[in-house]
Amino acid sequence: MVPFLATKGITYASLDECYADRVNHRQDWYEQIKAYNTPDGARLAREIYKNNDIYVGMRQRSGTGSRAQEGLYDYSIWVDRSKHVAPESSTSCSVTRVMADYVLDNNGTLEQLKVKTLALYWDLISLEYAGALKGH
């Protein structure tokens, strides 16, 4: 991403600085991720999951099914803050709420979020336990 942005005259002293400034270049990030994932829609996800358990901020719809089919993740979670933050433009994010397995409402207080997160955790643990009992 840094070399691409440099071609547009945008330079950074570090990768951390580039990442912190990503909110100002959403469409550029989206387009570069899309190009990186062409023709393999799961390429970036596969690389992220090699060293991480969680992929935060998936932006591209294309290949979402292939990521699930490959078993790269067990569940997708949409964190909804729509009452406080305007929806992202489809020009910089094609993933939508309806694509998620779970929606975590983050429109209340921090305490409410903690309770909802804990409830989601226990729901997921219950599903894993039920799957283990069935031999999955």
Protein backbone atom coordinates (compact mmCIF):
# COMPACT_ATOMS: atom_id res chain seq x y z
CA MET A 1 0.00 0.00 0.00
CA VAL A 2 2.83 2.41 0.83
CA PRO A 3 4.40 2.26 -2.67
CA PHE A 4 1.00 2.76 -4.31
CA LEU A 5 0.22 5.82 -2.18
CA ALA A 6 3.69 7.21 -2.89
CA THR A 7 2.79 7.23 -6.61
CA LYS A 8 -0.02 9.62 -5.62
CA GLY A 9 2.40 11.85 -3.68
CA ILE A 10 1.35 10.48 -0.27
CA THR A 11 4.33 9.38 1.81
CA TYR A 12 4.78 8.12 5.35
CA ALA A 13 7.67 7.80 7.79
CA SER A 14 6.48 4.33 8.87
CA LEU A 15 3.90 1.61 8.23
CA ASP A 16 2.19 2.61 11.48
CA GLU A 17 1.80 6.15 10.18
CA CYS A 18 0.34 4.83 6.92
CA TYR A 19 -2.11 2.60 8.80
CA ALA A 20 -3.19 5.44 11.09
CA ASP A 21 -3.97 7.56 8.03
CA ARG A 22 -6.04 4.87 6.29
CA VAL A 23 -9.31 6.64 7.13
CA ASN A 24 -8.30 9.40 4.71
CA HIS A 25 -7.75 6.99 1.82
CA ARG A 26 -10.54 4.38 2.16
CA GLN A 27 -11.21 4.01 -1.54
CA ASP A 28 -7.50 3.65 -2.34
CA TRP A 29 -7.16 0.91 0.27
CA TYR A 30 -10.27 -0.83 -1.05
CA GLU A 31 -9.07 -0.71 -4.66
CA GLN A 32 -5.62 -2.01 -3.74
CA ILE A 33 -7.07 -4.86 -1.66
CA LYS A 34 -9.40 -5.70 -4.55
CA ALA A 35 -6.47 -5.75 -6.99
CA TYR A 36 -4.38 -7.86 -4.60
CA ASN A 37 -7.25 -10.37 -4.31
CA THR A 38 -7.72 -10.70 -8.08
CA PRO A 39 -8.23 -13.40 -9.24
CA ASP A 40 -8.00 -15.15 -5.84
CA GLY A 41 -10.67 -13.51 -3.66
CA ALA A 42 -9.36 -15.19 -0.50
CA ARG A 43 -5.68 -14.29 -0.96
CA LEU A 44 -5.39 -11.54 1.67
CA ALA A 45 -7.60 -13.39 4.16
CA ARG A 46 -5.52 -16.54 3.79
CA GLU A 47 -2.35 -14.56 4.48
CA ILE A 48 -3.86 -12.78 7.49
CA TYR A 49 -5.10 -16.04 9.02
CA LYS A 50 -1.64 -17.63 8.76
CA ASN A 51 -0.56 -15.61 11.80
CA ASN A 52 -3.81 -14.29 13.28
CA ASP A 53 -7.06 -15.65 14.66
CA ILE A 54 -9.10 -12.60 13.68
CA TYR A 55 -9.38 -10.54 10.50
CA VAL A 56 -10.74 -7.11 11.46
CA GLY A 57 -12.05 -4.85 8.74
CA MET A 58 -12.66 -7.12 5.78
CA ARG A 59 -13.61 -4.72 2.98
CA GLN A 60 -14.22 -6.73 -0.15
CA ARG A 61 -17.31 -8.85 -0.79
CA SER A 62 -15.85 -10.75 -3.71
CA GLY A 63 -14.50 -14.05 -2.46
CA THR A 64 -16.35 -13.91 0.87
CA GLY A 65 -17.99 -17.24 0.08
CA SER A 66 -14.67 -18.78 -0.89
CA ARG A 67 -13.14 -17.68 2.42
CA ALA A 68 -15.93 -19.44 4.31
CA GLN A 69 -15.77 -22.50 2.05
CA GLU A 70 -12.04 -22.80 2.60
CA GLY A 71 -12.66 -22.85 6.35
CA LEU A 72 -10.56 -19.75 6.92
CA TYR A 73 -12.96 -18.58 9.61
CA ASP A 74 -15.72 -20.07 11.72
CA TYR A 75 -17.95 -17.02 12.12
CA SER A 76 -18.20 -13.51 10.75
CA ILE A 77 -19.30 -10.71 13.06
CA TRP A 78 -20.58 -7.29 12.02
CA VAL A 79 -20.09 -4.65 14.69
CA ASP A 80 -22.90 -2.13 14.19
CA ARG A 81 -22.28 1.47 15.24
CA SER A 82 -24.70 2.93 12.70
CA LYS A 83 -26.40 5.30 15.13
CA HIS A 84 -23.07 7.08 15.67
CA VAL A 85 -21.07 6.54 12.48
CA ALA A 86 -22.35 7.03 8.94
CA PRO A 87 -22.32 3.92 6.76
CA GLU A 88 -19.23 3.37 4.68
CA SER A 89 -19.52 4.04 0.96
CA SER A 90 -19.75 1.01 -1.31
CA THR A 91 -16.77 2.50 -3.18
CA SER A 92 -14.55 1.60 -0.21
CA CYS A 93 -16.32 -1.40 1.34
CA SER A 94 -18.55 -3.95 -0.34
CA VAL A 95 -19.08 -6.13 2.74
CA THR A 96 -22.49 -5.56 4.29
CA ARG A 97 -24.26 -6.34 7.54
CA VAL A 98 -26.44 -9.06 5.96
CA MET A 99 -23.34 -11.08 5.07
CA ALA A 100 -22.38 -11.58 8.70
CA ASP A 101 -23.27 -14.59 10.82
CA TYR A 102 -23.76 -12.32 13.83
CA VAL A 103 -24.44 -8.63 14.38
CA LEU A 104 -23.05 -7.06 17.54
CA ASP A 105 -24.91 -3.87 18.43
CA ASN A 106 -22.40 -1.22 19.51
CA ASN A 107 -24.80 1.72 19.64
CA GLY A 108 -25.10 1.85 23.42
CA THR A 109 -22.70 2.36 26.28
CA LEU A 110 -19.39 0.61 26.81
CA GLU A 111 -21.00 -1.45 29.59
CA GLN A 112 -23.79 -2.55 27.26
CA LEU A 113 -21.21 -3.54 24.66
CA LYS A 114 -19.33 -5.60 27.24
CA VAL A 115 -22.53 -7.47 28.18
CA LYS A 116 -23.43 -8.08 24.51
CA THR A 117 -19.89 -9.22 23.71
CA LEU A 118 -19.95 -11.66 26.60
CA ALA A 119 -23.35 -12.99 25.47
CA LEU A 120 -22.02 -13.46 21.93
CA TYR A 121 -18.96 -15.24 23.30
CA TRP A 122 -21.14 -17.70 25.21
CA ASP A 123 -23.35 -18.24 22.15
CA LEU A 124 -20.29 -19.10 20.08
CA ILE A 125 -18.88 -21.37 22.78
CA SER A 126 -22.25 -23.16 22.95
CA LEU A 127 -22.22 -23.69 19.19
CA GLU A 128 -18.67 -25.06 19.32
CA TYR A 129 -19.62 -27.38 22.18
CA ALA A 130 -22.74 -28.60 20.34
CA GLY A 131 -20.66 -29.19 17.22
CA ALA A 132 -18.10 -31.16 19.22
CA LEU A 133 -20.88 -33.35 20.62
CA LYS A 134 -22.09 -34.07 17.08
CA GLY A 135 -18.56 -34.90 15.97
CA HIS A 136 -17.97 -31.80 13.85
